[in-house]
């Protein structure tokens, strides 16, 4: 139960931060999804920093799973792909990137056309 509370509170914080940052950035560039790019880039950077530290399990759940999970799930995808490249699993990293992007775009499109 404590783990779920840590994740939930972190998720709340991450979601609010995403809304605030997205709203601020979108004012400067309304015709391009720059806000999403900024959130995803910042989240990817932060997950790299946080997962390179020796965090306690509670702090990892709150910050990484909760806050960054609420902020962006793209950060997890980025970290997992970098981890594959770093461990020499280049084909797996490429396939993860290719299929994550293409399958998710495909499913998003499918979701827009199914009624």
N, C-alpha and C. Protein backbone atom coordinates (compact mmCIF):
# COMPACT_ATOMS: atom_id res chain seq x y z
N UNK A 1 0.81 -1.19 0.00
CA UNK A 1 0.00 0.00 0.00
C UNK A 1 0.86 1.27 0.00
N UNK A 2 1.96 1.23 0.77
CA UNK A 2 2.85 2.39 0.82
C UNK A 2 3.45 2.65 -0.56
N UNK A 3 3.82 1.59 -1.28
CA UNK A 3 4.39 1.76 -2.61
C UNK A 3 3.40 2.44 -3.55
N UNK A 4 2.15 2.04 -3.48
CA UNK A 4 1.13 2.64 -4.35
C UNK A 4 0.92 4.11 -4.00
N UNK A 5 0.98 4.45 -2.73
CA UNK A 5 0.86 5.86 -2.33
C UNK A 5 2.04 6.69 -2.84
N UNK A 6 3.24 6.14 -2.75
CA UNK A 6 4.42 6.84 -3.26
C UNK A 6 4.29 7.08 -4.76
N UNK A 7 3.88 6.05 -5.49
CA UNK A 7 3.72 6.17 -6.94
C UNK A 7 2.60 7.15 -7.28
N UNK A 8 1.48 7.05 -6.57
CA UNK A 8 0.35 7.94 -6.83
C UNK A 8 0.66 9.40 -6.55
N UNK A 9 1.32 9.66 -5.44
CA UNK A 9 1.70 11.05 -5.11
C UNK A 9 2.71 11.59 -6.11
N UNK A 10 3.67 10.76 -6.49
CA UNK A 10 4.63 11.17 -7.50
C UNK A 10 3.96 11.41 -8.84
N UNK A 11 3.02 10.54 -9.20
CA UNK A 11 2.28 10.70 -10.45
C UNK A 11 1.49 12.00 -10.49
N UNK A 12 0.88 12.35 -9.37
CA UNK A 12 0.17 13.62 -9.27
C UNK A 12 1.11 14.79 -9.52
N UNK A 13 2.25 14.76 -8.85
CA UNK A 13 3.25 15.83 -9.01
C UNK A 13 3.73 15.91 -10.46
N UNK A 14 4.05 14.77 -11.05
CA UNK A 14 4.53 14.75 -12.43
C UNK A 14 3.50 15.26 -13.42
N UNK A 15 2.24 14.87 -13.21
CA UNK A 15 1.17 15.31 -14.11
C UNK A 15 0.94 16.81 -14.02
N UNK A 16 0.98 17.34 -12.82
CA UNK A 16 0.82 18.79 -12.64
C UNK A 16 1.99 19.54 -13.28
N UNK A 17 3.20 19.04 -13.08
CA UNK A 17 4.38 19.67 -13.69
C UNK A 17 4.28 19.65 -15.21
N UNK A 18 3.80 18.54 -15.76
CA UNK A 18 3.64 18.44 -17.21
C UNK A 18 2.64 19.49 -17.70
N UNK A 19 1.51 19.62 -17.01
CA UNK A 19 0.49 20.59 -17.43
C UNK A 19 1.02 22.01 -17.38
N UNK A 20 1.74 22.34 -16.32
CA UNK A 20 2.28 23.70 -16.17
C UNK A 20 3.33 23.99 -17.25
N UNK A 21 4.28 23.07 -17.43
CA UNK A 21 5.32 23.27 -18.43
C UNK A 21 4.74 23.29 -19.84
N UNK A 22 3.84 22.37 -20.12
CA UNK A 22 3.22 22.32 -21.46
C UNK A 22 2.47 23.60 -21.76
N UNK A 23 1.72 24.08 -20.79
CA UNK A 23 0.97 25.32 -21.00
C UNK A 23 1.88 26.51 -21.25
N UNK A 24 2.97 26.58 -20.52
CA UNK A 24 3.90 27.70 -20.69
C UNK A 24 4.59 27.66 -22.05
N UNK A 25 5.05 26.49 -22.45
CA UNK A 25 5.78 26.36 -23.72
C UNK A 25 4.84 26.53 -24.91
N UNK A 26 3.62 26.01 -24.81
CA UNK A 26 2.68 26.07 -25.93
C UNK A 26 2.34 27.51 -26.32
N UNK A 27 2.43 28.44 -25.39
CA UNK A 27 2.15 29.84 -25.70
C UNK A 27 3.15 30.41 -26.71
N UNK A 28 4.38 29.89 -26.69
CA UNK A 28 5.42 30.41 -27.57
C UNK A 28 5.45 29.74 -28.93
N UNK A 29 4.83 28.58 -29.04
CA UNK A 29 4.89 27.83 -30.30
C UNK A 29 3.60 27.03 -30.48
N UNK A 30 2.50 27.71 -30.82
CA UNK A 30 1.21 27.04 -30.88
C UNK A 30 1.02 26.09 -32.07
N UNK A 31 1.83 26.22 -33.12
CA UNK A 31 1.62 25.43 -34.33
C UNK A 31 2.47 24.17 -34.41
N UNK A 32 3.31 23.93 -33.42
CA UNK A 32 4.17 22.75 -33.40
C UNK A 32 4.15 22.20 -31.98
N UNK A 33 4.13 20.87 -31.81
CA UNK A 33 4.05 20.30 -30.46
C UNK A 33 5.37 20.41 -29.69
N UNK A 34 5.89 21.63 -29.60
CA UNK A 34 7.15 21.87 -28.91
C UNK A 34 7.03 21.55 -27.42
N UNK A 35 5.86 21.79 -26.84
CA UNK A 35 5.67 21.50 -25.42
C UNK A 35 5.88 20.02 -25.13
N UNK A 36 5.33 19.17 -25.98
CA UNK A 36 5.50 17.72 -25.80
C UNK A 36 6.95 17.33 -25.97
N UNK A 37 7.61 17.90 -26.96
CA UNK A 37 9.03 17.62 -27.17
C UNK A 37 9.84 18.04 -25.95
N UNK A 38 9.56 19.20 -25.41
CA UNK A 38 10.29 19.67 -24.22
C UNK A 38 10.05 18.76 -23.02
N UNK A 39 8.81 18.37 -22.79
CA UNK A 39 8.49 17.48 -21.68
C UNK A 39 9.21 16.15 -21.85
N UNK A 40 9.15 15.58 -23.05
CA UNK A 40 9.79 14.29 -23.29
C UNK A 40 11.31 14.38 -23.18
N UNK A 41 11.90 15.45 -23.68
CA UNK A 41 13.36 15.61 -23.59
C UNK A 41 13.78 15.78 -22.13
N UNK A 42 13.08 16.63 -21.39
CA UNK A 42 13.42 16.84 -19.99
C UNK A 42 13.21 15.56 -19.18
N UNK A 43 12.12 14.86 -19.43
CA UNK A 43 11.86 13.61 -18.73
C UNK A 43 12.91 12.56 -19.03
N UNK A 44 13.35 12.49 -20.28
CA UNK A 44 14.39 11.54 -20.66
C UNK A 44 15.71 11.87 -19.96
N UNK A 45 16.04 13.15 -19.89
CA UNK A 45 17.25 13.57 -19.19
C UNK A 45 17.16 13.21 -17.70
N UNK A 46 16.03 13.53 -17.10
CA UNK A 46 15.87 13.29 -15.67
C UNK A 46 15.90 11.81 -15.31
N UNK A 47 15.31 10.95 -16.15
CA UNK A 47 15.35 9.52 -15.82
C UNK A 47 16.77 8.99 -15.94
N UNK A 48 17.53 9.54 -16.89
CA UNK A 48 18.94 9.14 -17.00
C UNK A 48 19.72 9.53 -15.76
N UNK A 49 19.49 10.76 -15.29
CA UNK A 49 20.18 11.22 -14.07
C UNK A 49 19.75 10.40 -12.87
N UNK A 50 18.45 10.27 -12.66
CA UNK A 50 17.95 9.59 -11.46
C UNK A 50 18.34 8.12 -11.41
N UNK A 51 18.28 7.44 -12.54
CA UNK A 51 18.60 6.01 -12.52
C UNK A 51 20.10 5.74 -12.49
N UNK A 52 20.91 6.78 -12.65
CA UNK A 52 22.35 6.60 -12.49
C UNK A 52 22.76 6.82 -11.03
N UNK A 53 21.84 7.30 -10.22
CA UNK A 53 22.09 7.50 -8.80
C UNK A 53 21.68 6.26 -8.02
N UNK A 54 22.17 6.15 -6.82
CA UNK A 54 21.82 5.02 -5.96
C UNK A 54 20.64 5.43 -5.07
N UNK A 55 19.45 5.49 -5.66
CA UNK A 55 18.27 5.93 -4.94
C UNK A 55 17.72 4.81 -4.06
N UNK A 56 17.14 5.19 -2.95
CA UNK A 56 16.41 4.20 -2.15
C UNK A 56 15.21 3.73 -2.97
N UNK A 57 14.67 2.59 -2.62
CA UNK A 57 13.51 2.06 -3.35
C UNK A 57 12.32 3.02 -3.25
N UNK A 58 12.10 3.61 -2.09
CA UNK A 58 10.98 4.55 -1.94
C UNK A 58 11.16 5.79 -2.81
N UNK A 59 12.37 6.32 -2.84
CA UNK A 59 12.64 7.49 -3.67
C UNK A 59 12.52 7.16 -5.15
N UNK A 60 12.99 5.97 -5.54
CA UNK A 60 12.87 5.53 -6.94
C UNK A 60 11.40 5.41 -7.33
N UNK A 61 10.59 4.81 -6.46
CA UNK A 61 9.17 4.68 -6.76
C UNK A 61 8.50 6.04 -6.89
N UNK A 62 8.81 6.96 -5.97
CA UNK A 62 8.19 8.28 -6.00
C UNK A 62 8.65 9.10 -7.21
N UNK A 63 9.96 9.19 -7.42
CA UNK A 63 10.49 10.05 -8.48
C UNK A 63 10.42 9.44 -9.87
N UNK A 64 10.90 8.21 -10.00
CA UNK A 64 11.01 7.60 -11.34
C UNK A 64 9.68 7.04 -11.80
N UNK A 65 9.11 6.13 -11.01
CA UNK A 65 7.86 5.49 -11.43
C UNK A 65 6.70 6.48 -11.35
N UNK A 66 6.60 7.21 -10.24
CA UNK A 66 5.48 8.12 -10.06
C UNK A 66 5.63 9.43 -10.81
N UNK A 67 6.59 10.27 -10.37
CA UNK A 67 6.71 11.62 -10.94
C UNK A 67 7.03 11.59 -12.43
N UNK A 68 8.05 10.84 -12.82
CA UNK A 68 8.37 10.80 -14.25
C UNK A 68 7.35 10.01 -15.05
N UNK A 69 6.70 9.03 -14.40
CA UNK A 69 5.62 8.31 -15.06
C UNK A 69 4.45 9.24 -15.36
N UNK A 70 4.16 10.15 -14.44
CA UNK A 70 3.12 11.14 -14.67
C UNK A 70 3.55 12.25 -15.61
N UNK A 71 4.83 12.53 -15.60
CA UNK A 71 5.39 13.59 -16.44
C UNK A 71 5.49 13.13 -17.89
N UNK A 72 6.07 11.96 -18.10
CA UNK A 72 6.22 11.41 -19.44
C UNK A 72 6.59 9.94 -19.38
N UNK A 73 5.92 9.11 -20.17
CA UNK A 73 6.35 7.71 -20.27
C UNK A 73 7.43 7.57 -21.33
N UNK A 74 7.64 8.62 -22.11
CA UNK A 74 8.68 8.58 -23.13
C UNK A 74 10.06 8.45 -22.49
N UNK A 75 10.19 8.95 -21.28
CA UNK A 75 11.48 8.86 -20.59
C UNK A 75 11.86 7.41 -20.32
N UNK A 76 10.89 6.58 -19.98
CA UNK A 76 11.17 5.16 -19.75
C UNK A 76 11.61 4.50 -21.04
N UNK A 77 10.90 4.76 -22.12
CA UNK A 77 11.28 4.23 -23.43
C UNK A 77 12.70 4.66 -23.78
N UNK A 78 13.02 5.93 -23.57
CA UNK A 78 14.36 6.44 -23.89
C UNK A 78 15.43 5.73 -23.07
N UNK A 79 15.19 5.61 -21.77
CA UNK A 79 16.17 4.97 -20.90
C UNK A 79 16.38 3.51 -21.29
N UNK A 80 15.30 2.79 -21.54
CA UNK A 80 15.42 1.37 -21.89
C UNK A 80 16.20 1.20 -23.20
N UNK A 81 15.97 2.08 -24.16
CA UNK A 81 16.68 2.00 -25.43
C UNK A 81 18.16 2.33 -25.25
N UNK A 82 18.47 3.36 -24.49
CA UNK A 82 19.87 3.71 -24.20
C UNK A 82 20.56 2.57 -23.46
N UNK A 83 19.87 1.97 -22.50
CA UNK A 83 20.43 0.85 -21.75
C UNK A 83 20.77 -0.32 -22.68
N UNK A 84 19.91 -0.60 -23.65
CA UNK A 84 20.20 -1.66 -24.62
C UNK A 84 21.43 -1.31 -25.45
N UNK A 85 21.51 -0.08 -25.95
CA UNK A 85 22.69 0.34 -26.71
C UNK A 85 23.95 0.25 -25.85
N UNK A 86 23.86 0.72 -24.61
CA UNK A 86 25.02 0.72 -23.71
C UNK A 86 25.53 -0.67 -23.39
N UNK A 87 24.64 -1.64 -23.40
CA UNK A 87 25.05 -3.02 -23.10
C UNK A 87 25.41 -3.79 -24.37
N UNK A 88 25.52 -3.08 -25.50
CA UNK A 88 25.95 -3.71 -26.74
C UNK A 88 24.84 -4.43 -27.50
N UNK A 89 23.62 -4.29 -27.05
CA UNK A 89 22.49 -4.94 -27.72
C UNK A 89 21.90 -3.98 -28.76
N UNK A 90 22.72 -3.67 -29.75
CA UNK A 90 22.35 -2.65 -30.73
C UNK A 90 21.10 -3.01 -31.54
N UNK A 91 21.00 -4.26 -31.96
CA UNK A 91 19.83 -4.68 -32.73
C UNK A 91 18.57 -4.57 -31.88
N UNK A 92 18.65 -5.03 -30.65
CA UNK A 92 17.49 -4.94 -29.75
C UNK A 92 17.11 -3.48 -29.52
N UNK A 93 18.10 -2.61 -29.37
CA UNK A 93 17.82 -1.18 -29.16
C UNK A 93 17.13 -0.59 -30.39
N UNK A 94 17.65 -0.91 -31.56
CA UNK A 94 17.04 -0.40 -32.79
C UNK A 94 15.62 -0.92 -32.94
N UNK A 95 15.43 -2.22 -32.71
CA UNK A 95 14.09 -2.80 -32.83
C UNK A 95 13.13 -2.20 -31.81
N UNK A 96 13.61 -1.98 -30.60
CA UNK A 96 12.76 -1.36 -29.59
C UNK A 96 12.33 0.04 -30.04
N UNK A 97 13.27 0.82 -30.54
CA UNK A 97 12.94 2.17 -31.00
C UNK A 97 11.99 2.12 -32.19
N UNK A 98 12.31 1.29 -33.16
CA UNK A 98 11.49 1.20 -34.37
C UNK A 98 10.07 0.76 -34.05
N UNK A 99 9.95 -0.35 -33.32
CA UNK A 99 8.62 -0.88 -33.05
C UNK A 99 7.84 -0.03 -32.06
N UNK A 100 8.50 0.55 -31.09
CA UNK A 100 7.79 1.41 -30.14
C UNK A 100 7.16 2.59 -30.85
N UNK A 101 7.92 3.22 -31.73
CA UNK A 101 7.39 4.38 -32.45
C UNK A 101 6.34 3.95 -33.47
N UNK A 102 6.67 2.97 -34.32
CA UNK A 102 5.74 2.61 -35.39
C UNK A 102 4.46 1.97 -34.85
N UNK A 103 4.58 1.07 -33.89
CA UNK A 103 3.38 0.41 -33.35
C UNK A 103 2.51 1.43 -32.61
N UNK A 104 3.12 2.29 -31.82
CA UNK A 104 2.33 3.28 -31.07
C UNK A 104 1.66 4.28 -32.00
N UNK A 105 2.36 4.72 -33.03
CA UNK A 105 1.73 5.61 -34.02
C UNK A 105 0.58 4.89 -34.72
N UNK A 106 0.81 3.64 -35.08
CA UNK A 106 -0.23 2.85 -35.73
C UNK A 106 -1.46 2.67 -34.85
N UNK A 107 -1.23 2.35 -33.59
CA UNK A 107 -2.35 2.17 -32.67
C UNK A 107 -3.07 3.49 -32.41
N UNK A 108 -2.32 4.57 -32.34
CA UNK A 108 -2.94 5.88 -32.16
C UNK A 108 -3.85 6.19 -33.35
N UNK A 109 -3.35 5.94 -34.55
CA UNK A 109 -4.16 6.15 -35.75
C UNK A 109 -5.40 5.26 -35.70
N UNK A 110 -5.20 3.99 -35.36
CA UNK A 110 -6.32 3.06 -35.27
C UNK A 110 -7.37 3.57 -34.28
N UNK A 111 -6.90 4.10 -33.17
CA UNK A 111 -7.83 4.65 -32.18
C UNK A 111 -8.64 5.83 -32.70
N UNK A 112 -8.07 6.57 -33.65
CA UNK A 112 -8.80 7.73 -34.19
C UNK A 112 -9.82 7.33 -35.24
N UNK A 113 -9.66 6.16 -35.86
CA UNK A 113 -10.57 5.77 -36.93
C UNK A 113 -11.64 4.77 -36.49
N UNK A 114 -11.46 4.12 -35.35
CA UNK A 114 -12.46 3.17 -34.86
C UNK A 114 -13.58 3.96 -34.17
N UNK A 115 -14.76 3.66 -34.53
CA UNK A 115 -15.91 4.37 -33.92
C UNK A 115 -16.85 3.36 -33.31
